[in-house]
């Protein structure tokens, strides 16, 4: 059986964390007004950095890169990372590349591994 439980956990954690970040930090109008006002709280700089990271495509690039690594190496950890980053990308404004990373990770998990006679 494929790693169904770790896959489900990776998807759930990534979706919940990304949704919390999006709906509690990035999108609230009151937070945007507070951070644009003079004398904004210290955490507004972290919020601005997160928004800039989403806009730069860093999350999307990480999802696709992890998906390519998972496809080439067939490593479960890389595939789970691609799935988690892909799900986060879907929620955090990187839909196209997030979908590519998610699908590459799922395909890497679904592909059967060749049996290595040296490993036993």
PDB file of N, CA and C in Angstrom:
ATOM      1  N   UNK A   1       0.842  -1.184   0.000  1.00  0.00           N
ATOM      2  CA  UNK A   1       0.000   0.000   0.000  1.00  0.00           C
ATOM      3  C   UNK A   1       0.883   1.241   0.000  1.00  0.00           C
ATOM      4  N   UNK A   2       0.525   2.188  -0.802  1.00  0.00           N
ATOM      5  CA  UNK A   2       1.274   3.440  -0.888  1.00  0.00           C
ATOM      6  C   UNK A   2       1.082   4.238   0.398  1.00  0.00           C
ATOM      7  N   UNK A   3       1.922   5.223   0.616  1.00  0.00           N
ATOM      8  CA  UNK A   3       1.853   5.999   1.877  1.00  0.00           C
ATOM      9  C   UNK A   3       0.607   6.889   1.925  1.00  0.00           C
ATOM     10  N   UNK A   4      -0.543   6.253   2.105  1.00  0.00           N
ATOM     11  CA  UNK A   4      -1.806   6.991   2.099  1.00  0.00           C
ATOM     12  C   UNK A   4      -1.945   7.903   3.317  1.00  0.00           C
ATOM     13  N   UNK A   5      -1.578   7.426   4.481  1.00  0.00           N
ATOM     14  CA  UNK A   5      -1.720   8.237   5.700  1.00  0.00           C
ATOM     15  C   UNK A   5      -0.786   9.448   5.670  1.00  0.00           C
ATOM     16  N   UNK A   6       0.520   9.283   5.359  1.00  0.00           N
ATOM     17  CA  UNK A   6       1.370  10.476   5.272  1.00  0.00           C
ATOM     18  C   UNK A   6       0.904  11.444   4.183  1.00  0.00           C
ATOM     19  N   UNK A   7       0.376  10.923   3.089  1.00  0.00           N
ATOM     20  CA  UNK A   7      -0.135  11.776   2.024  1.00  0.00           C
ATOM     21  C   UNK A   7      -1.318  12.591   2.516  1.00  0.00           C
ATOM     22  N   UNK A   8      -2.238  11.948   3.200  1.00  0.00           N
ATOM     23  CA  UNK A   8      -3.414  12.641   3.727  1.00  0.00           C
ATOM     24  C   UNK A   8      -3.003  13.692   4.750  1.00  0.00           C
ATOM     25  N   UNK A   9      -2.061  13.362   5.599  1.00  0.00           N
ATOM     26  CA  UNK A   9      -1.592  14.318   6.604  1.00  0.00           C
ATOM     27  C   UNK A   9      -0.901  15.503   5.930  1.00  0.00           C
ATOM     28  N   UNK A  10      -0.064  15.238   4.931  1.00  0.00           N
ATOM     29  CA  UNK A  10       0.628  16.322   4.221  1.00  0.00           C
ATOM     30  C   UNK A  10      -0.361  17.259   3.548  1.00  0.00           C
ATOM     31  N   UNK A  11      -1.384  16.699   2.918  1.00  0.00           N
ATOM     32  CA  UNK A  11      -2.394  17.530   2.253  1.00  0.00           C
ATOM     33  C   UNK A  11      -3.166  18.348   3.279  1.00  0.00           C
ATOM     34  N   UNK A  12      -3.588  17.720   4.369  1.00  0.00           N
ATOM     35  CA  UNK A  12      -4.378  18.423   5.381  1.00  0.00           C
ATOM     36  C   UNK A  12      -3.586  19.540   6.050  1.00  0.00           C
ATOM     37  N   UNK A  13      -2.356  19.247   6.442  1.00  0.00           N
ATOM     38  CA  UNK A  13      -1.533  20.262   7.122  1.00  0.00           C
ATOM     39  C   UNK A  13      -1.234  21.426   6.185  1.00  0.00           C
ATOM     40  N   UNK A  14      -0.875  21.118   4.938  1.00  0.00           N
ATOM     41  CA  UNK A  14      -0.567  22.185   3.980  1.00  0.00           C
ATOM     42  C   UNK A  14      -1.796  23.036   3.690  1.00  0.00           C
ATOM     43  N   UNK A  15      -2.940  22.403   3.516  1.00  0.00           N
ATOM     44  CA  UNK A  15      -4.159  23.155   3.221  1.00  0.00           C
ATOM     45  C   UNK A  15      -4.584  24.028   4.398  1.00  0.00           C
ATOM     46  N   UNK A  16      -4.513  23.493   5.595  1.00  0.00           N
ATOM     47  CA  UNK A  16      -4.919  24.265   6.777  1.00  0.00           C
ATOM     48  C   UNK A  16      -3.964  25.422   7.021  1.00  0.00           C
ATOM     49  N   UNK A  17      -2.656  25.164   6.927  1.00  0.00           N
ATOM     50  CA  UNK A  17      -1.678  26.239   7.151  1.00  0.00           C
ATOM     51  C   UNK A  17      -1.798  27.329   6.091  1.00  0.00           C
ATOM     52  N   UNK A  18      -1.956  26.936   4.835  1.00  0.00           N
ATOM     53  CA  UNK A  18      -2.072  27.924   3.765  1.00  0.00           C
ATOM     54  C   UNK A  18      -3.365  28.712   3.886  1.00  0.00           C
ATOM     55  N   UNK A  19      -4.459  28.041   4.217  1.00  0.00           N
ATOM     56  CA  UNK A  19      -5.733  28.748   4.376  1.00  0.00           C
ATOM     57  C   UNK A  19      -5.684  29.711   5.562  1.00  0.00           C
ATOM     58  N   UNK A  20      -5.061  29.289   6.656  1.00  0.00           N
ATOM     59  CA  UNK A  20      -4.927  30.177   7.801  1.00  0.00           C
ATOM     60  C   UNK A  20      -4.098  31.399   7.442  1.00  0.00           C
ATOM     61  N   UNK A  21      -3.008  31.181   6.738  1.00  0.00           N
ATOM     62  CA  UNK A  21      -2.167  32.298   6.314  1.00  0.00           C
ATOM     63  C   UNK A  21      -2.925  33.240   5.390  1.00  0.00           C
ATOM     64  N   UNK A  22      -3.660  32.665   4.456  1.00  0.00           N
ATOM     65  CA  UNK A  22      -4.389  33.496   3.494  1.00  0.00           C
ATOM     66  C   UNK A  22      -5.533  34.270   4.156  1.00  0.00           C
ATOM     67  N   UNK A  23      -6.375  33.567   4.904  1.00  0.00           N
ATOM     68  CA  UNK A  23      -7.600  34.184   5.400  1.00  0.00           C
ATOM     69  C   UNK A  23      -7.446  34.907   6.732  1.00  0.00           C
ATOM     70  N   UNK A  24      -6.367  34.643   7.471  1.00  0.00           N
ATOM     71  CA  UNK A  24      -6.175  35.325   8.743  1.00  0.00           C
ATOM     72  C   UNK A  24      -5.081  36.393   8.704  1.00  0.00           C
ATOM     73  N   UNK A  25      -4.148  36.281   7.738  1.00  0.00           N
ATOM     74  CA  UNK A  25      -3.028  37.215   7.694  1.00  0.00           C
ATOM     75  C   UNK A  25      -3.061  38.111   6.458  1.00  0.00           C
ATOM     76  N   UNK A  26      -3.264  37.527   5.300  1.00  0.00           N
ATOM     77  CA  UNK A  26      -3.124  38.285   4.055  1.00  0.00           C
ATOM     78  C   UNK A  26      -4.381  39.058   3.694  1.00  0.00           C
ATOM     79  N   UNK A  27      -5.530  38.419   3.701  1.00  0.00           N
ATOM     80  CA  UNK A  27      -6.723  39.015   3.129  1.00  0.00           C
ATOM     81  C   UNK A  27      -7.572  39.914   4.028  1.00  0.00           C
ATOM     82  N   UNK A  28      -7.524  39.844   5.338  1.00  0.00           N
ATOM     83  CA  UNK A  28      -8.416  40.700   6.121  1.00  0.00           C
ATOM     84  C   UNK A  28      -8.186  42.185   5.825  1.00  0.00           C
ATOM     85  N   UNK A  29      -9.263  42.850   5.512  1.00  0.00           N
ATOM     86  CA  UNK A  29      -9.186  44.269   5.160  1.00  0.00           C
ATOM     87  C   UNK A  29      -8.699  45.113   6.330  1.00  0.00           C
ATOM     88  N   UNK A  30      -9.123  44.771   7.524  1.00  0.00           N
ATOM     89  CA  UNK A  30      -8.696  45.525   8.702  1.00  0.00           C
ATOM     90  C   UNK A  30      -7.182  45.424   8.897  1.00  0.00           C
ATOM     91  N   UNK A  31      -6.626  44.262   8.639  1.00  0.00           N
ATOM     92  CA  UNK A  31      -5.178  44.072   8.759  1.00  0.00           C
ATOM     93  C   UNK A  31      -4.442  44.895   7.714  1.00  0.00           C
ATOM     94  N   UNK A  32      -4.968  44.930   6.506  1.00  0.00           N
ATOM     95  CA  UNK A  32      -4.346  45.727   5.444  1.00  0.00           C
ATOM     96  C   UNK A  32      -4.351  47.214   5.809  1.00  0.00           C
ATOM     97  N   UNK A  33      -5.453  47.693   6.348  1.00  0.00           N
ATOM     98  CA  UNK A  33      -5.517  49.096   6.761  1.00  0.00           C
ATOM     99  C   UNK A  33      -4.569  49.378   7.917  1.00  0.00           C
ATOM    100  N   UNK A  34      -4.500  48.467   8.862  1.00  0.00           N
ATOM    101  CA  UNK A  34      -3.608  48.640  10.004  1.00  0.00           C
ATOM    102  C   UNK A  34      -2.154  48.689   9.562  1.00  0.00           C
ATOM    103  N   UNK A  35      -1.786  47.814   8.631  1.00  0.00           N
ATOM    104  CA  UNK A  35      -0.394  47.756   8.185  1.00  0.00           C
ATOM    105  C   UNK A  35      -0.018  48.896   7.244  1.00  0.00           C
ATOM    106  N   UNK A  36      -0.995  49.547   6.642  1.00  0.00           N
ATOM    107  CA  UNK A  36      -0.683  50.670   5.760  1.00  0.00           C
ATOM    108  C   UNK A  36      -0.670  52.007   6.512  1.00  0.00           C
ATOM    109  N   UNK A  37      -1.098  51.999   7.738  1.00  0.00           N
ATOM    110  CA  UNK A  37      -1.139  53.225   8.530  1.00  0.00           C
ATOM    111  C   UNK A  37       0.236  53.530   9.122  1.00  0.00           C
ATOM    112  N   UNK A  38       0.512  54.780   9.402  1.00  0.00           N
ATOM    113  CA  UNK A  38       1.776  55.109  10.081  1.00  0.00           C
ATOM    114  C   UNK A  38       1.826  54.458  11.467  1.00  0.00           C
ATOM    115  N   UNK A  39       3.001  54.026  11.857  1.00  0.00           N
ATOM    116  CA  UNK A  39       3.172  53.373  13.159  1.00  0.00           C
ATOM    117  C   UNK A  39       2.584  51.976  13.185  1.00  0.00           C
ATOM    118  N   UNK A  40       2.674  51.275  12.066  1.00  0.00           N
ATOM    119  CA  UNK A  40       2.130  49.919  11.976  1.00  0.00           C
ATOM    120  C   UNK A  40       2.899  48.985  12.911  1.00  0.00           C
ATOM    121  N   UNK A  41       2.256  47.920  13.379  1.00  0.00           N
ATOM    122  CA  UNK A  41       2.928  46.963  14.269  1.00  0.00           C
ATOM    123  C   UNK A  41       4.119  46.287  13.586  1.00  0.00           C
ATOM    124  N   UNK A  42       4.991  45.709  14.390  1.00  0.00           N
ATOM    125  CA  UNK A  42       6.210  45.090  13.884  1.00  0.00           C
ATOM    126  C   UNK A  42       5.925  43.923  12.950  1.00  0.00           C
ATOM    127  N   UNK A  43       4.845  43.198  13.173  1.00  0.00           N
ATOM    128  CA  UNK A  43       4.563  42.014  12.378  1.00  0.00           C
ATOM    129  C   UNK A  43       4.066  42.336  10.971  1.00  0.00           C
ATOM    130  N   UNK A  44       3.802  43.604  10.697  1.00  0.00           N
ATOM    131  CA  UNK A  44       3.382  43.985   9.342  1.00  0.00           C
ATOM    132  C   UNK A  44       4.512  43.790   8.333  1.00  0.00           C
ATOM    133  N   UNK A  45       5.754  43.885   8.799  1.00  0.00           N
ATOM    134  CA  UNK A  45       6.882  43.633   7.901  1.00  0.00           C
ATOM    135  C   UNK A  45       6.913  42.166   7.489  1.00  0.00           C
ATOM    136  N   UNK A  46       6.622  41.262   8.410  1.00  0.00           N
ATOM    137  CA  UNK A  46       6.564  39.837   8.074  1.00  0.00           C
ATOM    138  C   UNK A  46       5.400  39.555   7.134  1.00  0.00           C
ATOM    139  N   UNK A  47       4.284  40.227   7.346  1.00  0.00           N
ATOM    140  CA  UNK A  47       3.128  40.076   6.455  1.00  0.00           C
ATOM    141  C   UNK A  47       3.482  40.552   5.054  1.00  0.00           C
ATOM    142  N   UNK A  48       4.143  41.686   4.963  1.00  0.00           N
ATOM    143  CA  UNK A  48       4.537  42.217   3.655  1.00  0.00           C
ATOM    144  C   UNK A  48       5.531  41.289   2.960  1.00  0.00           C
ATOM    145  N   UNK A  49       6.445  40.692   3.719  1.00  0.00           N
ATOM    146  CA  UNK A  49       7.404  39.751   3.136  1.00  0.00           C
ATOM    147  C   UNK A  49       6.694  38.497   2.628  1.00  0.00           C
ATOM    148  N   UNK A  50       5.708  38.017   3.361  1.00  0.00           N
ATOM    149  CA  UNK A  50       4.948  36.843   2.918  1.00  0.00           C
ATOM    150  C   UNK A  50       4.185  37.147   1.632  1.00  0.00           C
ATOM    151  N   UNK A  51       3.566  38.310   1.570  1.00  0.00           N
ATOM    152  CA  UNK A  51       2.832  38.697   0.365  1.00  0.00           C
ATOM    153  C   UNK A  51       3.782  38.835  -0.816  1.00  0.00           C
ATOM    154  N   UNK A  52       4.963  39.402  -0.587  1.00  0.00           N
ATOM    155  CA  UNK A  52       5.955  39.521  -1.661  1.00  0.00           C
ATOM    156  C   UNK A  52       6.438  38.146  -2.126  1.00  0.00           C
ATOM    157  N   UNK A  53       6.585  37.210  -1.203  1.00  0.00           N
ATOM    158  CA  UNK A  53       7.011  35.857  -1.572  1.00  0.00           C
ATOM    159  C   UNK A  53       5.950  35.170  -2.423  1.00  0.00           C
ATOM    160  N   UNK A  54       4.680  35.383  -2.093  1.00  0.00           N
ATOM    161  CA  UNK A  54       3.621  34.788  -2.899  1.00  0.00           C
ATOM    162  C   UNK A  54       3.608  35.401  -4.298  1.00  0.00           C
ATOM    163  N   UNK A  55       3.808  36.695  -4.382  1.00  0.00           N
ATOM    164  CA  UNK A  55       3.792  37.381  -5.665  1.00  0.00           C
ATOM    165  C   UNK A  55       4.995  37.069  -6.529  1.00  0.00           C
ATOM    166  N   UNK A  56       6.110  36.721  -5.911  1.00  0.00           N
ATOM    167  CA  UNK A  56       7.330  36.456  -6.679  1.00  0.00           C
ATOM    168  C   UNK A  56       7.331  35.082  -7.322  1.00  0.00           C
ATOM    169  N   UNK A  57       6.453  34.211  -6.902  1.00  0.00           N
ATOM    170  CA  UNK A  57       6.408  32.864  -7.456  1.00  0.00           C
ATOM    171  C   UNK A  57       7.350  31.889  -6.777  1.00  0.00           C
ATOM    172  N   UNK A  58       7.883  32.245  -5.621  1.00  0.00           N
ATOM    173  CA  UNK A  58       8.813  31.363  -4.917  1.00  0.00           C
ATOM    174  C   UNK A  58       8.139  30.055  -4.508  1.00  0.00           C
ATOM    175  N   UNK A  59       6.919  30.137  -4.035  1.00  0.00           N
ATOM    176  CA  UNK A  59       6.191  28.935  -3.635  1.00  0.00           C
ATOM    177  C   UNK A  59       5.906  28.053  -4.849  1.00  0.00           C
ATOM    178  N   UNK A  60       5.549  28.681  -5.939  1.00  0.00           N
ATOM    179  CA  UNK A  60       5.278  27.937  -7.171  1.00  0.00           C
ATOM    180  C   UNK A  60       6.531  27.235  -7.674  1.00  0.00           C
ATOM    181  N   UNK A  61       7.638  27.933  -7.663  1.00  0.00           N
ATOM    182  CA  UNK A  61       8.899  27.331  -8.119  1.00  0.00           C
ATOM    183  C   UNK A  61       9.301  26.175  -7.219  1.00  0.00           C
ATOM    184  N   UNK A  62       9.114  26.326  -5.921  1.00  0.00           N
ATOM    185  CA  UNK A  62       9.457  25.252  -4.987  1.00  0.00           C
ATOM    186  C   UNK A  62       8.578  24.026  -5.218  1.00  0.00           C
ATOM    187  N   UNK A  63       7.297  24.234  -5.499  1.00  0.00           N
ATOM    188  CA  UNK A  63       6.392  23.112  -5.749  1.00  0.00           C
ATOM    189  C   UNK A  63       6.794  22.348  -7.001  1.00  0.00           C
ATOM    190  N   UNK A  64       7.081  23.078  -8.074  1.00  0.00           N
ATOM    191  CA  UNK A  64       7.467  22.422  -9.328  1.00  0.00           C
ATOM    192  C   UNK A  64       8.826  21.735  -9.179  1.00  0.00           C
ATOM    193  N   UNK A  65       9.767  22.400  -8.528  1.00  0.00           N
ATOM    194  CA  UNK A  65      11.090  21.811  -8.327  1.00  0.00           C
ATOM    195  C   UNK A  65      10.995  20.522  -7.507  1.00  0.00           C
ATOM    196  N   UNK A  66      10.219  20.557  -6.434  1.00  0.00           N
ATOM    197  CA  UNK A  66      10.045  19.348  -5.623  1.00  0.00           C
ATOM    198  C   UNK A  66       9.366  18.250  -6.431  1.00  0.00           C
ATOM    199  N   UNK A  67       8.437  18.625  -7.293  1.00  0.00           N
ATOM    200  CA  UNK A  67       7.780  17.638  -8.148  1.00  0.00           C
ATOM    201  C   UNK A  67       8.725  17.010  -9.142  1.00  0.00           C
ATOM    202  N   UNK A  68       9.602  17.809  -9.724  1.00  0.00           N
ATOM    203  CA  UNK A  68      10.588  17.273 -10.668  1.00  0.00           C
ATOM    204  C   UNK A  68      11.571  16.353  -9.940  1.00  0.00           C
ATOM    205  N   UNK A  69      12.034  16.784  -8.781  1.00  0.00           N
ATOM    206  CA  UNK A  69      12.950  15.939  -7.991  1.00  0.00           C
ATOM    207  C   UNK A  69      12.268  14.628  -7.615  1.00  0.00           C
ATOM    208  N   UNK A  70      11.009  14.691  -7.221  1.00  0.00           N
ATOM    209  CA  UNK A  70      10.280  13.479  -6.860  1.00  0.00           C
ATOM    210  C   UNK A  70      10.108  12.555  -8.057  1.00  0.00           C
ATOM    211  N   UNK A  71       9.870  13.139  -9.225  1.00  0.00           N
ATOM    212  CA  UNK A  71       9.694  12.325 -10.424  1.00  0.00           C
ATOM    213  C   UNK A  71      10.995  11.645 -10.831  1.00  0.00           C
ATOM    214  N   UNK A  72      12.094  12.373 -10.734  1.00  0.00           N
ATOM    215  CA  UNK A  72      13.385  11.829 -11.156  1.00  0.00           C
ATOM    216  C   UNK A  72      13.923  10.819 -10.142  1.00  0.00           C
ATOM    217  N   UNK A  73      13.870  11.175  -8.866  1.00  0.00           N
ATOM    218  CA  UNK A  73      14.474  10.319  -7.845  1.00  0.00           C
ATOM    219  C   UNK A  73      13.525   9.271  -7.285  1.00  0.00           C
ATOM    220  N   UNK A  74      12.238   9.483  -7.433  1.00  0.00           N
ATOM    221  CA  UNK A  74      11.203   8.590  -6.910  1.00  0.00           C
ATOM    222  C   UNK A  74      11.286   8.449  -5.400  1.00  0.00           C
ATOM    223  N   UNK A  75      11.648   9.521  -4.737  1.00  0.00           N
ATOM    224  CA  UNK A  75      11.733   9.544  -3.276  1.00  0.00           C
ATOM    225  C   UNK A  75      10.382   9.954  -2.691  1.00  0.00           C
ATOM    226  N   UNK A  76       9.946   9.231  -1.690  1.00  0.00           N
ATOM    227  CA  UNK A  76       8.659   9.509  -1.066  1.00  0.00           C
ATOM    228  C   UNK A  76       8.653  10.883  -0.396  1.00  0.00           C
ATOM    229  N   UNK A  77       9.746  11.238   0.264  1.00  0.00           N
ATOM    230  CA  UNK A  77       9.811  12.536   0.942  1.00  0.00           C
ATOM    231  C   UNK A  77       9.696  13.689  -0.028  1.00  0.00           C
ATOM    232  N   UNK A  78      10.371  13.593  -1.162  1.00  0.00           N
ATOM    233  CA  UNK A  78      10.279  14.649  -2.172  1.00  0.00           C
ATOM    234  C   UNK A  78       8.877  14.714  -2.756  1.00  0.00           C
ATOM    235  N   UNK A  79       8.251  13.554  -2.932  1.00  0.00           N
ATOM    236  CA  UNK A  79       6.888  13.532  -3.460  1.00  0.00           C
ATOM    237  C   UNK A  79       5.907  14.160  -2.470  1.00  0.00           C
ATOM    238  N   UNK A  80       6.069  13.859  -1.191  1.00  0.00           N
ATOM    239  CA  UNK A  80       5.194  14.473  -0.186  1.00  0.00           C
ATOM    240  C   UNK A  80       5.427  15.977  -0.096  1.00  0.00           C
ATOM    241  N   UNK A  81       6.677  16.404  -0.238  1.00  0.00           N
ATOM    242  CA  UNK A  81       6.968  17.841  -0.250  1.00  0.00           C
ATOM    243  C   UNK A  81       6.318  18.506  -1.459  1.00  0.00           C
ATOM    244  N   UNK A  82       6.373  17.858  -2.618  1.00  0.00           N
ATOM    245  CA  UNK A  82       5.747  18.409  -3.814  1.00  0.00           C
ATOM    246  C   UNK A  82       4.241  18.518  -3.645  1.00  0.00           C
ATOM    247  N   UNK A  83       3.648  17.505  -3.045  1.00  0.00           N
ATOM    248  CA  UNK A  83       2.205  17.527  -2.804  1.00  0.00           C
ATOM    249  C   UNK A  83       1.843  18.659  -1.845  1.00  0.00           C
ATOM    250  N   UNK A  84       2.572  18.764  -0.744  1.00  0.00           N
ATOM    251  CA  UNK A  84       2.270  19.807   0.249  1.00  0.00           C
ATOM    252  C   UNK A  84       2.478  21.203  -0.334  1.00  0.00           C
ATOM    253  N   UNK A  85       3.585  21.402  -1.032  1.00  0.00           N
ATOM    254  CA  UNK A  85       3.836  22.713  -1.640  1.00  0.00           C
ATOM    255  C   UNK A  85       2.832  23.007  -2.741  1.00  0.00           C
ATOM    256  N   UNK A  86       2.427  21.984  -3.472  1.00  0.00           N
ATOM    257  CA  UNK A  86       1.421  22.172  -4.511  1.00  0.00           C
ATOM    258  C   UNK A  86       0.072  22.577  -3.934  1.00  0.00           C
ATOM    259  N   UNK A  87      -0.339  21.925  -2.864  1.00  0.00           N
ATOM    260  CA  UNK A  87      -1.599  22.286  -2.204  1.00  0.00           C
ATOM    261  C   UNK A  87      -1.519  23.716  -1.665  1.00  0.00           C
ATOM    262  N   UNK A  88      -0.389  24.056  -1.045  1.00  0.00           N
ATOM    263  CA  UNK A  88      -0.215  25.423  -0.548  1.00  0.00           C
ATOM    264  C   UNK A  88      -0.257  26.423  -1.699  1.00  0.00           C
ATOM    265  N   UNK A  89       0.341  26.071  -2.829  1.00  0.00           N
ATOM    266  CA  UNK A  89       0.306  26.944  -3.994  1.00  0.00           C
ATOM    267  C   UNK A  89      -1.104  27.146  -4.520  1.00  0.00           C
ATOM    268  N   UNK A  90      -1.908  26.095  -4.485  1.00  0.00           N
ATOM    269  CA  UNK A  90      -3.299  26.227  -4.924  1.00  0.00           C
ATOM    270  C   UNK A  90      -4.071  27.215  -4.049  1.00  0.00           C
ATOM    271  N   UNK A  91      -3.792  27.207  -2.771  1.00  0.00           N
ATOM    272  CA  UNK A  91      -4.495  28.103  -1.846  1.00  0.00           C
ATOM    273  C   UNK A  91      -3.901  29.509  -1.866  1.00  0.00           C
ATOM    274  N   UNK A  92      -2.587  29.607  -2.081  1.00  0.00           N
ATOM    275  CA  UNK A  92      -1.890  30.891  -1.944  1.00  0.00           C
ATOM    276  C   UNK A  92      -1.500  31.501  -3.287  1.00  0.00           C
ATOM    277  N   UNK A  93      -2.453  31.588  -4.197  1.00  0.00           N
ATOM    278  CA  UNK A  93      -2.337  32.419  -5.396  1.00  0.00           C
ATOM    279  C   UNK A  93      -1.366  31.913  -6.451  1.00  0.00           C
ATOM    280  N   UNK A  94      -0.918  30.673  -6.402  1.00  0.00           N
ATOM    281  CA  UNK A  94      -0.039  30.110  -7.428  1.00  0.00           C
ATOM    282  C   UNK A  94      -0.708  28.860  -7.991  1.00  0.00           C
ATOM    283  N   UNK A  95      -1.867  29.047  -8.582  1.00  0.00           N
ATOM    284  CA  UNK A  95      -2.715  27.922  -8.945  1.00  0.00           C
ATOM    285  C   UNK A  95      -2.073  27.021  -9.998  1.00  0.00           C
ATOM    286  N   UNK A  96      -1.589  27.598 -11.088  1.00  0.00           N
ATOM    287  CA  UNK A  96      -1.081  26.771 -12.184  1.00  0.00           C
ATOM    288  C   UNK A  96       0.138  25.952 -11.758  1.00  0.00           C
ATOM    289  N   UNK A  97       1.140  26.618 -11.234  1.00  0.00           N
ATOM    290  CA  UNK A  97       2.352  25.914 -10.827  1.00  0.00           C
ATOM    291  C   UNK A  97       2.094  25.014  -9.622  1.00  0.00           C
ATOM    292  N   UNK A  98       1.209  25.423  -8.729  1.00  0.00           N
ATOM    293  CA  UNK A  98       0.849  24.571  -7.602  1.00  0.00           C
ATOM    294  C   UNK A  98       0.213  23.275  -8.074  1.00  0.00           C
ATOM    295  N   UNK A  99      -0.632  23.362  -9.100  1.00  0.00           N
ATOM    296  CA  UNK A  99      -1.254  22.164  -9.652  1.00  0.00           C
ATOM    297  C   UNK A  99      -0.212  21.253 -10.291  1.00  0.00           C
ATOM    298  N   UNK A 100       0.766  21.844 -10.979  1.00  0.00           N
ATOM    299  CA  UNK A 100       1.827  21.038 -11.587  1.00  0.00           C
ATOM    300  C   UNK A 100       2.628  20.312 -10.511  1.00  0.00           C
ATOM    301  N   UNK A 101       3.033  21.022  -9.465  1.00  0.00           N
ATOM    302  CA  UNK A 101       3.778  20.392  -8.373  1.00  0.00           C
ATOM    303  C   UNK A 101       2.974  19.304  -7.691  1.00  0.00           C
ATOM    304  N   UNK A 102       1.699  19.577  -7.439  1.00  0.00           N
ATOM    305  CA  UNK A 102       0.824  18.593  -6.802  1.00  0.00           C
ATOM    306  C   UNK A 102       0.712  17.344  -7.663  1.00  0.00           C
ATOM    307  N   UNK A 103       0.464  17.509  -8.946  1.00  0.00           N
ATOM    308  CA  UNK A 103       0.309  16.350  -9.825  1.00  0.00           C
ATOM    309  C   UNK A 103       1.602  15.559  -9.990  1.00  0.00           C
ATOM    310  N   UNK A 104       2.737  16.257 -10.102  1.00  0.00           N
ATOM    311  CA  UNK A 104       4.008  15.541 -10.189  1.00  0.00           C
ATOM    312  C   UNK A 104       4.273  14.727  -8.922  1.00  0.00           C
ATOM    313  N   UNK A 105       3.969  15.306  -7.772  1.00  0.00           N
ATOM    314  CA  UNK A 105       4.142  14.582  -6.515  1.00  0.00           C
ATOM    315  C   UNK A 105       3.232  13.371  -6.422  1.00  0.00           C
ATOM    316  N   UNK A 106       1.969  13.534  -6.838  1.00  0.00           N
ATOM    317  CA  UNK A 106       1.043  12.402  -6.803  1.00  0.00           C
ATOM    318  C   UNK A 106       1.453  11.315  -7.792  1.00  0.00           C
ATOM    319  N   UNK A 107       1.911  11.717  -8.962  1.00  0.00           N
ATOM    320  CA  UNK A 107       2.373  10.728  -9.937  1.00  0.00           C
ATOM    321  C   UNK A 107       3.603   9.977  -9.435  1.00  0.00           C
ATOM    322  N   UNK A 108       4.498  10.687  -8.771  1.00  0.00           N
ATOM    323  CA  UNK A 108       5.684  10.022  -8.222  1.00  0.00           C
ATOM    324  C   UNK A 108       5.294   9.023  -7.140  1.00  0.00           C
ATOM    325  N   UNK A 109       4.279   9.337  -6.357  1.00  0.00           N
ATOM    326  CA  UNK A 109       3.816   8.396  -5.338  1.00  0.00           C
ATOM    327  C   UNK A 109       3.095   7.204  -5.954  1.00  0.00           C
ATOM    328  N   UNK A 110       2.437   7.414  -7.072  1.00  0.00           N
ATOM    329  CA  UNK A 110       1.653   6.349  -7.692  1.00  0.00           C
ATOM    330  C   UNK A 110       2.504   5.391  -8.518  1.00  0.00           C
ATOM    331  N   UNK A 111       3.654   5.862  -9.003  1.00  0.00           N
ATOM    332  CA  UNK A 111       4.507   5.014  -9.843  1.00  0.00           C
ATOM    333  C   UNK A 111       5.115   3.898  -9.021  1.00  0.00           C
ATOM    334  N   UNK A 112       5.036   2.684  -9.523  1.00  0.00           N
ATOM    335  CA  UNK A 112       5.680   1.585  -8.777  1.00  0.00           C
ATOM    336  C   UNK A 112       7.197   1.698  -8.885  1.00  0.00           C
ATOM    337  N   UNK A 113       7.859   1.320  -7.823  1.00  0.00           N
ATOM    338  CA  UNK A 113       9.321   1.338  -7.804  1.00  0.00           C
ATOM    339  C   UNK A 113       9.856   0.025  -8.360  1.00  0.00           C
ATOM    340  N   UNK A 114      10.971   0.132  -9.055  1.00  0.00           N
ATOM    341  CA  UNK A 114      11.621  -1.078  -9.547  1.00  0.00           C
ATOM    342  C   UNK A 114      12.307  -1.770  -8.363  1.00  0.00           C
ATOM    343  N   UNK A 115      12.331  -3.065  -8.381  1.00  0.00           N
ATOM    344  CA  UNK A 115      12.978  -3.826  -7.320  1.00  0.00           C
ATOM    345  C   UNK A 115      14.474  -3.829  -7.586  1.00  0.00           C
ATOM    346  N   UNK A 116      15.244  -3.400  -6.585  1.00  0.00           N
ATOM    347  CA  UNK A 116      16.696  -3.374  -6.690  1.00  0.00           C
ATOM    348  C   UNK A 116      17.248  -4.695  -6.139  1.00  0.00           C
ATOM    349  N   UNK A 117      17.854  -5.552  -6.966  1.00  0.00           N
ATOM    350  CA  UNK A 117      18.325  -6.851  -6.466  1.00  0.00           C
ATOM    351  C   UNK A 117      19.425  -6.729  -5.428  1.00  0.00           C
ATOM    352  N   UNK A 118      20.155  -5.608  -5.425  1.00  0.00           N
ATOM    353  CA  UNK A 118      21.236  -5.436  -4.442  1.00  0.00           C
ATOM    354  C   UNK A 118      20.685  -5.139  -3.056  1.00  0.00           C
ATOM    355  N   UNK A 119      19.513  -4.548  -2.981  1.00  0.00           N
ATOM    356  CA  UNK A 119      18.924  -4.195  -1.684  1.00  0.00           C
ATOM    357  C   UNK A 119      18.176  -5.349  -1.045  1.00  0.00           C
ATOM    358  N   UNK A 120      17.744  -6.282  -1.817  1.00  0.00           N
ATOM    359  CA  UNK A 120      17.054  -7.440  -1.272  1.00  0.00           C
ATOM    360  C   UNK A 120      15.603  -7.346  -1.216  1.00  0.00           C
TER     361      UNK A 120
END
